[in-house]
Amino acid sequence: MWGESTLFRQTLLVLVGALVLAHFVSFFAFALLPSRDAQAITLSGIAQQLADPACDSLVPDLAKTRKLELSRSPQAPVLKGYMRSDALLHAQLAQVLGVPDATIRLAWAEGSDIQLDRPVDLEIDGRAGRLEEAVFLRELVAARQWPGYWCTAQVPPPRWANSWKFRVPISVVLLSLTVLLPFAWLFARRLSKPMHDFATAADAIGRDEQAQLLQEQGPREMRIAARALNAMQVRIQEQLREREAMIAAIAHDLRTPLSRIAFRVEAASEAVSESVQRDIEQMNAMITATLEFSRAGGYTKGDQPVDLAAVLRAIAEEEQAMQHDVRVSTGDAPVIVEGDEVQLNRLFQNLVDNALNFGGSARLALRREEGRAIVTVADNGPGIDPAQVEEMFRPFKRGEPSRNRQTGGVGLGLAITRAIAHRHGGDIHVANRPEGGLLVSVSIPLAAD
């Protein structure tokens, strides 16, 4: 649909359409002009042609007449209703050929003849004859009856495709398109590229607030929009840094009073001490997760090559050493991305921990696809409501609503994994498996060769 087309395509189509429309106007202007296609054919030349009984080749005097066509048929040619004839010219032609009038046919398109009122002397088959010369410009039929057949010489109506009125406009259109189409393409490309870059930058900000600022270029309106987008991105980055610093400071400062509480509660009774100690451990876990989330949010992607296959195999080996049901499929070839190995290890370790906590097992697979590394982590857990998938990436949101430390942390695992994936130019998606359980897919760009 037109409304869904790109600005580049719309602009290019408008330019090309305007060009074609302009040339079609020229085309019809040419078409309305009178035709000059036909070569002149004289009555004396027709007489010489009909005197040849072979009726299969043009006589030497007419060898240059491309429009004349010869044919044999058992019946006389049928003359079209719009054709006219002239009794005097018909009689003169029969007299010069020495045949009865009934064995001759002569007709031409109305208005295409020019009678010169000039006598021409001919000698055909040793007989001298005279006729009033005439010139025929367009469609004509002349025929003579021979024993057993009619020889017909005719000039058919000019074919539209062979008409100069057709060839000239089409040649002009094709030549103009050949010359102007590159300029139209460049114009449309130059006009639409700033819009494309603007949309790409806006999408990148939504995925990674640390994305590069948009270069201010293009028309004045696009430079103003780019400047506003860059200012908004800077403000977002400042607000995020302030938020992350505040969260980290609060979480860090909470550890001191918790340590005092833990020290003082040791003097309480065993029942009270155990209960309070569990609460303290849970609060410590929440603080640790919050600090990790804050550090993940402030992380800037590095440019060190990291072999994802080696990272996944190391995680699987560590989990298998602890008797956890974790398997990995990476292939033999390394899969290199650019980033921080510690952060990437945290990303996939979080996903494996979730799979083990909720499904009891984890199946990791790595593959290449269109310049990206795709890592999938599958489990056999209960899955998730599709309507709640996006909610699971929000900080402190848990799929299992209780705060039981045996079934997960405080709801920051997926938020941390998405933050790390975004910093590496990637993304993460969660979906239910048809056979049951959850499938988490992480996509990260491969390193440039």
Protein backbone atom coordinates (compact mmCIF):
# COMPACT_ATOMS: atom_id res chain seq x y z
CA MET A 1 0.00 0.00 0.00
CA TRP A 2 1.12 3.57 -0.70
CA GLY A 3 0.83 4.61 2.95
CA GLU A 4 3.16 1.77 4.01
CA SER A 5 5.81 2.53 1.36
CA THR A 6 9.12 4.15 2.27
CA LEU A 7 9.76 7.86 1.68
CA PHE A 8 12.51 6.94 -0.77
CA ARG A 9 10.17 4.76 -2.83
CA GLN A 10 7.37 7.30 -2.78
CA THR A 11 9.67 10.12 -3.90
CA LEU A 12 11.23 7.99 -6.62
CA LEU A 13 7.81 6.91 -7.91
CA VAL A 14 6.58 10.52 -7.97
CA LEU A 15 9.60 11.65 -9.97
CA VAL A 16 9.43 8.75 -12.42
CA GLY A 17 5.64 9.08 -12.73
CA ALA A 18 5.92 12.78 -13.51
CA LEU A 19 8.56 12.04 -16.13
CA VAL A 20 6.50 9.30 -17.77
CA LEU A 21 3.35 11.44 -17.71
CA ALA A 22 5.16 14.32 -19.39
CA HIS A 23 6.41 12.06 -22.15
CA PHE A 24 3.02 10.47 -22.66
CA VAL A 25 1.66 13.93 -23.35
CA SER A 26 4.38 14.34 -25.96
CA PHE A 27 3.57 10.88 -27.28
CA PHE A 28 -0.07 11.73 -27.97
CA ALA A 29 0.93 15.07 -29.43
CA PHE A 30 3.07 13.20 -31.95
CA ALA A 31 0.27 10.73 -32.58
CA LEU A 32 -2.09 13.53 -33.62
CA LEU A 33 0.28 14.76 -36.30
CA PRO A 34 -0.41 13.65 -39.89
CA SER A 35 1.53 10.58 -40.98
CA ARG A 36 4.45 10.70 -43.39
CA ASP A 37 5.30 7.02 -43.18
CA ALA A 38 4.41 5.79 -46.65
CA GLN A 39 6.78 5.99 -49.56
CA ALA A 40 5.25 7.27 -52.74
CA ILE A 41 4.13 4.58 -55.19
CA THR A 42 3.32 5.65 -58.75
CA LEU A 43 0.66 4.27 -61.06
CA SER A 44 3.29 3.61 -63.75
CA GLY A 45 5.31 1.54 -61.26
CA ILE A 46 2.20 -0.48 -60.38
CA ALA A 47 1.65 -1.18 -64.08
CA GLN A 48 5.20 -2.49 -64.45
CA GLN A 49 4.73 -4.76 -61.42
CA LEU A 50 1.44 -6.22 -62.63
CA ALA A 51 3.01 -6.97 -66.04
CA ASP A 52 5.33 -9.51 -64.39
CA PRO A 53 3.60 -12.96 -64.36
CA ALA A 54 5.99 -14.34 -61.72
CA CYS A 55 4.32 -12.30 -58.97
CA ASP A 56 7.00 -13.31 -56.48
CA SER A 57 9.53 -10.46 -56.54
CA LEU A 58 9.55 -6.74 -57.06
CA VAL A 59 10.51 -5.49 -60.51
CA PRO A 60 13.77 -3.46 -60.63
CA ASP A 61 11.99 -0.11 -60.79
CA LEU A 62 10.21 -0.86 -57.50
CA ALA A 63 13.07 -2.61 -55.70
CA LYS A 64 13.37 0.24 -53.23
CA THR A 65 9.68 0.28 -52.33
CA ARG A 66 9.62 -1.43 -48.94
CA LYS A 67 5.88 -1.03 -48.44
CA LEU A 68 4.74 -3.06 -51.46
CA GLU A 69 3.72 -6.68 -50.78
CA LEU A 70 3.01 -9.36 -53.42
CA SER A 71 0.72 -12.36 -53.09
CA ARG A 72 -1.11 -14.97 -55.17
CA SER A 73 -4.66 -16.10 -54.56
CA PRO A 74 -7.36 -17.95 -56.53
CA GLN A 75 -9.89 -15.17 -55.92
CA ALA A 76 -9.80 -11.47 -56.52
CA PRO A 77 -8.80 -9.37 -53.51
CA VAL A 78 -11.64 -7.97 -51.40
CA LEU A 79 -11.54 -4.18 -51.40
CA LYS A 80 -12.32 -2.44 -48.12
CA GLY A 81 -15.29 -0.13 -47.89
CA TYR A 82 -13.29 3.01 -47.11
CA MET A 83 -11.21 2.61 -50.28
CA ARG A 84 -11.99 4.50 -53.42
CA SER A 85 -11.19 3.99 -57.08
CA ASP A 86 -11.16 6.07 -60.26
CA ALA A 87 -12.69 4.80 -63.47
CA LEU A 88 -10.24 6.71 -65.70
CA LEU A 89 -7.14 5.44 -63.88
CA HIS A 90 -8.60 1.93 -63.81
CA ALA A 91 -9.24 1.98 -67.55
CA GLN A 92 -5.83 3.41 -68.35
CA LEU A 93 -4.12 0.70 -66.28
CA ALA A 94 -6.07 -2.05 -68.07
CA GLN A 95 -5.28 -0.47 -71.46
CA VAL A 96 -1.53 -0.23 -70.76
CA LEU A 97 -1.48 -3.88 -69.61
CA GLY A 98 -3.60 -4.92 -72.63
CA VAL A 99 -6.21 -6.78 -70.56
CA PRO A 100 -9.96 -6.36 -70.02
CA ASP A 101 -11.09 -4.00 -67.26
CA ALA A 102 -12.66 -6.94 -65.36
CA THR A 103 -9.22 -8.52 -64.81
CA ILE A 104 -7.89 -5.44 -63.02
CA ARG A 105 -8.46 -4.16 -59.48
CA LEU A 106 -7.22 -0.78 -58.30
CA ALA A 107 -8.24 0.96 -55.07
CA TRP A 108 -6.59 3.12 -52.43
CA ALA A 109 -7.27 4.78 -49.09
CA GLU A 110 -9.40 7.89 -49.35
CA GLY A 111 -7.32 11.04 -49.61
CA SER A 112 -3.98 9.28 -50.14
CA ASP A 113 -3.69 9.84 -53.92
CA ILE A 114 -2.18 12.69 -55.83
CA GLN A 115 -3.09 12.85 -59.51
CA LEU A 116 -0.39 14.76 -61.32
CA ASP A 117 -2.23 15.43 -64.60
CA ARG A 118 0.96 14.49 -66.38
CA PRO A 119 1.00 11.77 -69.07
CA VAL A 120 3.65 9.06 -68.89
CA ASP A 121 4.63 6.86 -71.85
CA LEU A 122 5.26 3.19 -71.05
CA GLU A 123 6.37 0.14 -73.02
CA ILE A 124 5.12 -3.13 -71.57
CA ASP A 125 5.58 -6.46 -73.38
CA GLY A 126 6.58 -4.57 -76.56
CA ARG A 127 3.45 -2.44 -76.53
CA ALA A 128 3.51 1.30 -76.12
CA GLY A 129 0.98 2.91 -73.81
CA ARG A 130 0.19 6.13 -72.06
CA LEU A 131 -1.48 6.90 -68.76
CA GLU A 132 -2.05 9.86 -66.48
CA GLU A 133 0.52 9.56 -63.72
CA ALA A 134 -0.72 9.39 -60.12
CA VAL A 135 1.06 8.99 -56.79
CA PHE A 136 -0.32 6.94 -53.87
CA LEU A 137 0.92 7.67 -50.37
CA ARG A 138 -0.77 5.16 -48.09
CA GLU A 139 -2.87 1.98 -48.23
CA LEU A 140 -3.37 0.63 -51.77
CA VAL A 141 -4.51 -2.57 -53.51
CA ALA A 142 -3.71 -3.34 -57.16
CA ALA A 143 -4.37 -6.76 -58.69
CA ARG A 144 -4.34 -8.53 -62.06
CA GLN A 145 -5.90 -11.81 -63.03
CA TRP A 146 -3.61 -14.36 -64.60
CA PRO A 147 -4.67 -17.83 -65.77
CA GLY A 148 -5.46 -19.70 -62.56
CA TYR A 149 -4.65 -17.00 -60.04
CA TRP A 150 -4.74 -13.35 -59.09
CA CYS A 151 -1.50 -11.44 -58.51
CA THR A 152 -2.05 -8.79 -55.88
CA ALA A 153 0.34 -5.95 -55.10
CA GLN A 154 -0.66 -3.93 -52.07
CA VAL A 155 0.53 -1.44 -49.51
CA PRO A 156 -1.05 -2.48 -46.16
CA PRO A 157 -2.10 0.05 -43.50
CA PRO A 158 0.98 1.31 -41.63
CA ARG A 159 1.63 -0.69 -38.50
CA TRP A 160 1.56 1.41 -35.37
CA ALA A 161 4.80 -0.09 -34.08
CA ASN A 162 6.56 0.75 -37.34
CA SER A 163 5.21 4.27 -37.47
CA TRP A 164 7.64 7.10 -36.86
CA LYS A 165 4.95 8.63 -34.65
CA PHE A 166 5.39 5.62 -32.38
CA ARG A 167 9.15 5.15 -32.63
CA VAL A 168 10.12 8.74 -31.97
CA PRO A 169 8.15 9.25 -28.69
CA ILE A 170 9.13 5.82 -27.35
CA SER A 171 12.78 6.51 -28.15
CA VAL A 172 12.52 9.88 -26.42
CA VAL A 173 10.89 8.30 -23.33
CA LEU A 174 13.47 5.50 -23.06
CA LEU A 175 16.38 7.85 -23.61
CA SER A 176 15.03 10.34 -21.08
CA LEU A 177 14.44 7.59 -18.50
CA THR A 178 17.96 6.28 -19.04
CA VAL A 179 19.45 9.72 -18.52
CA LEU A 180 17.16 11.01 -15.75
CA LEU A 181 16.52 7.85 -13.71
CA PRO A 182 19.95 7.91 -11.99
CA PHE A 183 19.38 11.56 -11.03
CA ALA A 184 15.88 10.73 -9.75
CA TRP A 185 17.31 7.83 -7.73
CA LEU A 186 20.02 10.03 -6.21
CA PHE A 187 17.51 12.77 -5.40
CA ALA A 188 15.10 10.35 -3.71
CA ARG A 189 17.96 8.64 -1.87
CA ARG A 190 19.36 11.94 -0.60
CA LEU A 191 15.91 13.02 0.55
CA SER A 192 15.00 9.78 2.32
CA LYS A 193 18.36 8.85 3.90
CA PRO A 194 18.11 11.37 6.79
CA MET A 195 14.64 10.01 7.60
CA HIS A 196 15.97 6.45 7.54
CA ASP A 197 18.91 7.39 9.78
CA PHE A 198 16.56 9.21 12.16
CA ALA A 199 14.27 6.18 12.48
CA THR A 200 17.28 3.87 12.98
CA ALA A 201 18.72 6.14 15.68
CA ALA A 202 15.37 6.38 17.48
CA ASP A 203 15.08 2.57 17.46
CA ALA A 204 18.66 2.23 18.73
CA ILE A 205 17.93 4.57 21.65
CA GLY A 206 14.96 2.40 22.60
CA ARG A 207 17.25 -0.63 22.69
CA ASP A 208 20.42 0.95 24.06
CA GLU A 209 20.50 4.34 25.75
CA GLN A 210 24.28 4.40 25.19
CA ALA A 211 23.89 4.35 21.40
CA GLN A 212 25.84 6.90 19.39
CA LEU A 213 24.30 10.30 18.81
CA LEU A 214 22.67 10.91 15.43
CA GLN A 215 24.69 12.92 12.94
CA GLU A 216 22.92 16.18 12.11
CA GLN A 217 22.60 16.25 8.33
CA GLY A 218 20.04 16.54 5.54
CA PRO A 219 17.35 19.20 5.10
CA ARG A 220 16.89 21.87 7.75
CA GLU A 221 13.84 20.17 9.25
CA MET A 222 15.74 16.87 9.60
CA ARG A 223 18.69 18.63 11.29
CA ILE A 224 16.30 20.21 13.79
CA ALA A 225 14.70 16.81 14.48
CA ALA A 226 18.12 15.16 14.85
CA ARG A 227 19.24 17.87 17.27
CA ALA A 228 16.12 17.36 19.38
CA LEU A 229 16.58 13.57 19.38
CA ASN A 230 20.22 13.92 20.46
CA ALA A 231 19.25 16.29 23.26
CA MET A 232 16.60 13.85 24.44
CA GLN A 233 19.10 10.99 24.39
CA VAL A 234 21.59 12.99 26.47
CA ARG A 235 18.89 13.79 29.03
CA ILE A 236 17.86 10.14 29.20
CA GLN A 237 21.47 9.08 29.76
CA GLU A 238 21.88 11.62 32.55
CA GLN A 239 18.67 10.52 34.26
CA LEU A 240 19.67 6.85 34.03
CA ARG A 241 23.10 7.54 35.48
CA GLU A 242 21.53 9.47 38.34
CA ARG A 243 19.01 6.70 38.98
CA GLU A 244 21.63 3.97 38.88
CA ALA A 245 23.95 5.93 41.17
CA MET A 246 21.11 6.50 43.64
CA ILE A 247 20.08 2.84 43.65
CA ALA A 248 23.67 1.70 44.08
CA ALA A 249 24.22 4.16 46.93
CA ILE A 250 21.05 3.13 48.75
CA ALA A 251 21.77 -0.56 48.32
CA HIS A 252 25.35 -0.11 49.50
CA ASP A 253 24.39 1.96 52.52
CA LEU A 254 21.78 -0.59 53.61
CA ARG A 255 24.46 -3.20 54.20
CA THR A 256 25.88 -1.37 57.22
CA PRO A 257 22.70 -1.38 59.36
CA LEU A 258 22.00 -4.94 58.25
CA SER A 259 25.41 -5.99 59.53
CA ARG A 260 24.67 -4.34 62.89
CA ILE A 261 21.28 -6.07 63.09
CA ALA A 262 22.88 -9.42 62.31
CA PHE A 263 25.48 -8.87 65.05
CA ARG A 264 22.94 -7.83 67.68
CA VAL A 265 20.43 -10.57 66.87
CA GLU A 266 22.96 -13.22 67.84
CA ALA A 267 22.18 -12.36 71.48
CA ALA A 268 18.48 -13.12 71.00
CA SER A 269 16.84 -16.48 71.49
CA GLU A 270 17.49 -19.19 68.90
CA ALA A 271 13.94 -19.03 67.49
CA VAL A 272 14.08 -15.27 67.05
CA SER A 273 17.64 -15.37 65.77
CA GLU A 274 16.89 -17.91 63.02
CA SER A 275 13.81 -15.98 61.84
CA VAL A 276 15.58 -12.63 61.73
CA GLN A 277 18.67 -14.18 60.14
CA ARG A 278 16.56 -15.50 57.23
CA ASP A 279 15.15 -12.01 56.69
CA ILE A 280 18.65 -10.53 56.76
CA GLU A 281 19.93 -13.07 54.21
CA GLN A 282 17.00 -12.28 51.95
CA MET A 283 17.66 -8.54 52.22
CA ASN A 284 21.36 -9.14 51.48
CA ALA A 285 20.39 -11.11 48.38
CA MET A 286 18.14 -8.26 47.27
CA ILE A 287 20.93 -5.72 47.81
CA THR A 288 23.46 -7.86 45.92
CA ALA A 289 21.09 -8.28 42.98
CA THR A 290 20.31 -4.56 42.97
CA LEU A 291 24.01 -3.68 42.86
CA GLU A 292 24.57 -6.14 40.01
CA PHE A 293 21.66 -4.62 38.10
CA SER A 294 23.08 -1.15 38.66
CA ARG A 295 26.52 -2.23 37.42
CA ALA A 296 24.94 -3.90 34.37
CA GLY A 297 23.03 -0.73 33.60
CA GLY A 298 26.20 1.34 33.70
CA TYR A 299 28.24 -1.07 31.59
CA THR A 300 29.63 0.13 28.25
CA LYS A 301 30.40 -2.52 25.67
CA GLY A 302 34.08 -3.14 25.03
CA ASP A 303 35.74 -4.28 21.83
CA GLN A 304 37.52 -7.43 22.97
CA PRO A 305 36.81 -10.57 20.91
CA VAL A 306 34.91 -13.20 22.91
CA ASP A 307 34.30 -16.81 21.84
CA LEU A 308 30.67 -17.48 22.79
CA ALA A 309 31.13 -21.20 22.21
CA ALA A 310 33.90 -21.31 24.83
CA VAL A 311 31.83 -19.25 27.29
CA LEU A 312 28.83 -21.60 27.00
CA ARG A 313 30.95 -24.74 27.28
CA ALA A 314 32.63 -23.38 30.43
CA ILE A 315 29.24 -22.66 32.04
CA ALA A 316 27.98 -26.14 31.15
CA GLU A 317 31.10 -27.82 32.56
CA GLU A 318 30.79 -25.96 35.86
CA GLU A 319 27.12 -26.86 36.22
CA GLN A 320 27.74 -30.50 35.29
CA ALA A 321 30.48 -30.65 37.94
CA MET A 322 27.77 -29.74 40.47
CA GLN A 323 25.57 -32.58 39.11
CA HIS A 324 23.16 -30.19 37.36
CA ASP A 325 21.36 -31.31 34.21
CA VAL A 326 22.92 -28.88 31.72
CA ARG A 327 23.84 -29.74 28.13
CA VAL A 328 25.31 -27.55 25.41
CA SER A 329 25.57 -27.75 21.61
CA THR A 330 27.98 -25.25 20.01
CA GLY A 331 29.71 -27.03 17.15
CA ASP A 332 33.47 -27.14 16.70
CA ALA A 333 34.07 -23.70 15.14
CA PRO A 334 34.51 -20.64 17.38
CA VAL A 335 31.76 -18.00 17.33
CA ILE A 336 33.37 -14.62 17.94
CA VAL A 337 31.54 -11.50 19.15
CA GLU A 338 32.86 -8.21 20.51
CA GLY A 339 32.20 -7.40 24.16
CA ASP A 340 33.09 -8.14 27.76
CA GLU A 341 33.52 -11.81 28.64
CA VAL A 342 32.57 -11.29 32.30
CA GLN A 343 29.30 -9.58 31.37
CA LEU A 344 28.45 -12.19 28.74
CA ASN A 345 29.19 -14.96 31.21
CA ARG A 346 26.81 -13.29 33.71
CA LEU A 347 24.12 -13.02 31.02
CA PHE A 348 24.11 -16.73 30.14
CA GLN A 349 24.71 -17.86 33.72
CA ASN A 350 21.53 -16.02 34.77
CA LEU A 351 19.57 -17.78 32.02
CA VAL A 352 20.95 -21.18 33.03
CA ASP A 353 20.12 -20.49 36.71
CA ASN A 354 16.54 -19.59 35.77
CA ALA A 355 16.20 -22.76 33.69
CA LEU A 356 17.50 -24.91 36.56
CA ASN A 357 15.37 -23.18 39.19
CA PHE A 358 12.09 -23.43 37.28
CA GLY A 359 12.64 -26.45 35.00
CA GLY A 360 15.30 -28.57 36.64
CA SER A 361 17.39 -28.70 33.43
CA ALA A 362 18.91 -26.45 30.78
CA ARG A 363 19.65 -27.10 27.10
CA LEU A 364 21.97 -24.55 25.46
CA ALA A 365 22.47 -24.27 21.67
CA LEU A 366 24.55 -21.87 19.60
CA ARG A 367 24.27 -21.13 15.88
CA ARG A 368 25.07 -18.43 13.30
CA GLU A 369 22.28 -16.69 11.44
CA GLU A 370 22.56 -13.70 9.08
CA GLY A 371 25.62 -12.17 10.71
CA ARG A 372 24.46 -12.78 14.28
CA ALA A 373 25.15 -15.34 16.97
CA ILE A 374 21.94 -16.94 18.28
CA VAL A 375 22.03 -18.62 21.69
CA THR A 376 18.96 -20.52 22.90
CA VAL A 377 18.36 -21.77 26.46
CA ALA A 378 15.49 -24.27 26.83
CA ASP A 379 14.03 -25.75 30.01
CA ASN A 380 11.23 -28.13 30.97
CA GLY A 381 9.49 -25.80 33.40
CA PRO A 382 5.85 -24.65 33.44
CA GLY A 383 6.38 -21.92 30.85
CA ILE A 384 4.89 -18.45 31.08
CA ASP A 385 1.72 -16.64 30.15
CA PRO A 386 2.47 -14.96 26.74
CA ALA A 387 0.79 -11.79 27.97
CA GLN A 388 3.34 -11.59 30.82
CA VAL A 389 6.51 -12.06 28.73
CA GLU A 390 7.42 -8.36 28.52
CA GLU A 391 6.61 -7.87 32.19
CA MET A 392 9.23 -10.47 33.12
CA PHE A 393 11.99 -8.13 31.92
CA ARG A 394 10.97 -5.36 34.28
CA PRO A 395 13.16 -4.96 37.41
CA PHE A 396 11.89 -6.76 40.55
CA LYS A 397 9.24 -8.63 38.53
CA ARG A 398 9.15 -12.38 39.20
CA GLY A 399 7.38 -15.13 37.33
CA GLU A 400 6.82 -16.94 40.63
CA PRO A 401 5.21 -14.38 42.93
CA SER A 402 6.54 -15.71 46.21
CA ARG A 403 9.90 -14.62 47.63
CA ASN A 404 11.06 -18.17 48.19
CA ARG A 405 14.83 -18.16 47.71
CA GLN A 406 14.66 -21.75 46.52
CA THR A 407 12.78 -20.75 43.39
CA GLY A 408 14.66 -17.62 42.38
CA GLY A 409 15.99 -14.26 43.46
CA VAL A 410 14.34 -10.90 43.62
CA GLY A 411 13.27 -10.50 39.99
CA LEU A 412 16.35 -8.84 38.48
CA GLY A 413 17.83 -11.78 36.52
CA LEU A 414 16.08 -11.16 33.20
CA ALA A 415 16.39 -7.39 33.58
CA ILE A 416 20.17 -7.81 33.92
CA THR A 417 20.39 -10.18 30.95
CA ARG A 418 18.47 -7.79 28.70
CA ALA A 419 20.62 -4.84 29.81
CA ILE A 420 23.80 -6.76 28.99
CA ALA A 421 22.41 -7.99 25.64
CA HIS A 422 21.48 -4.42 24.66
CA ARG A 423 24.96 -3.17 25.55
CA HIS A 424 26.36 -5.71 23.10
CA GLY A 425 24.03 -4.60 20.30
CA GLY A 426 21.78 -7.62 20.76
CA ASP A 427 18.38 -8.53 22.13
CA ILE A 428 16.63 -11.28 24.06
CA HIS A 429 13.28 -12.98 23.46
CA VAL A 430 11.24 -15.41 25.52
CA ALA A 431 8.65 -17.87 24.20
CA ASN A 432 6.92 -21.05 25.30
CA ARG A 433 8.08 -24.31 23.73
CA PRO A 434 5.40 -26.40 21.96
CA GLU A 435 6.51 -29.46 23.94
CA GLY A 436 6.43 -27.54 27.22
CA GLY A 437 8.86 -25.32 29.04
CA LEU A 438 10.45 -22.01 28.14
CA LEU A 439 12.79 -21.07 25.28
CA VAL A 440 14.98 -17.97 25.72
CA SER A 441 16.80 -16.69 22.60
CA VAL A 442 19.69 -14.22 22.74
CA SER A 443 20.87 -12.53 19.53
CA ILE A 444 24.27 -10.75 19.41
CA PRO A 445 26.07 -9.39 16.30
CA LEU A 446 29.12 -11.35 15.20
CA ALA A 447 32.49 -9.60 15.24
CA ALA A 448 33.64 -8.13 11.93
CA ASP A 449 36.05 -10.37 10.04
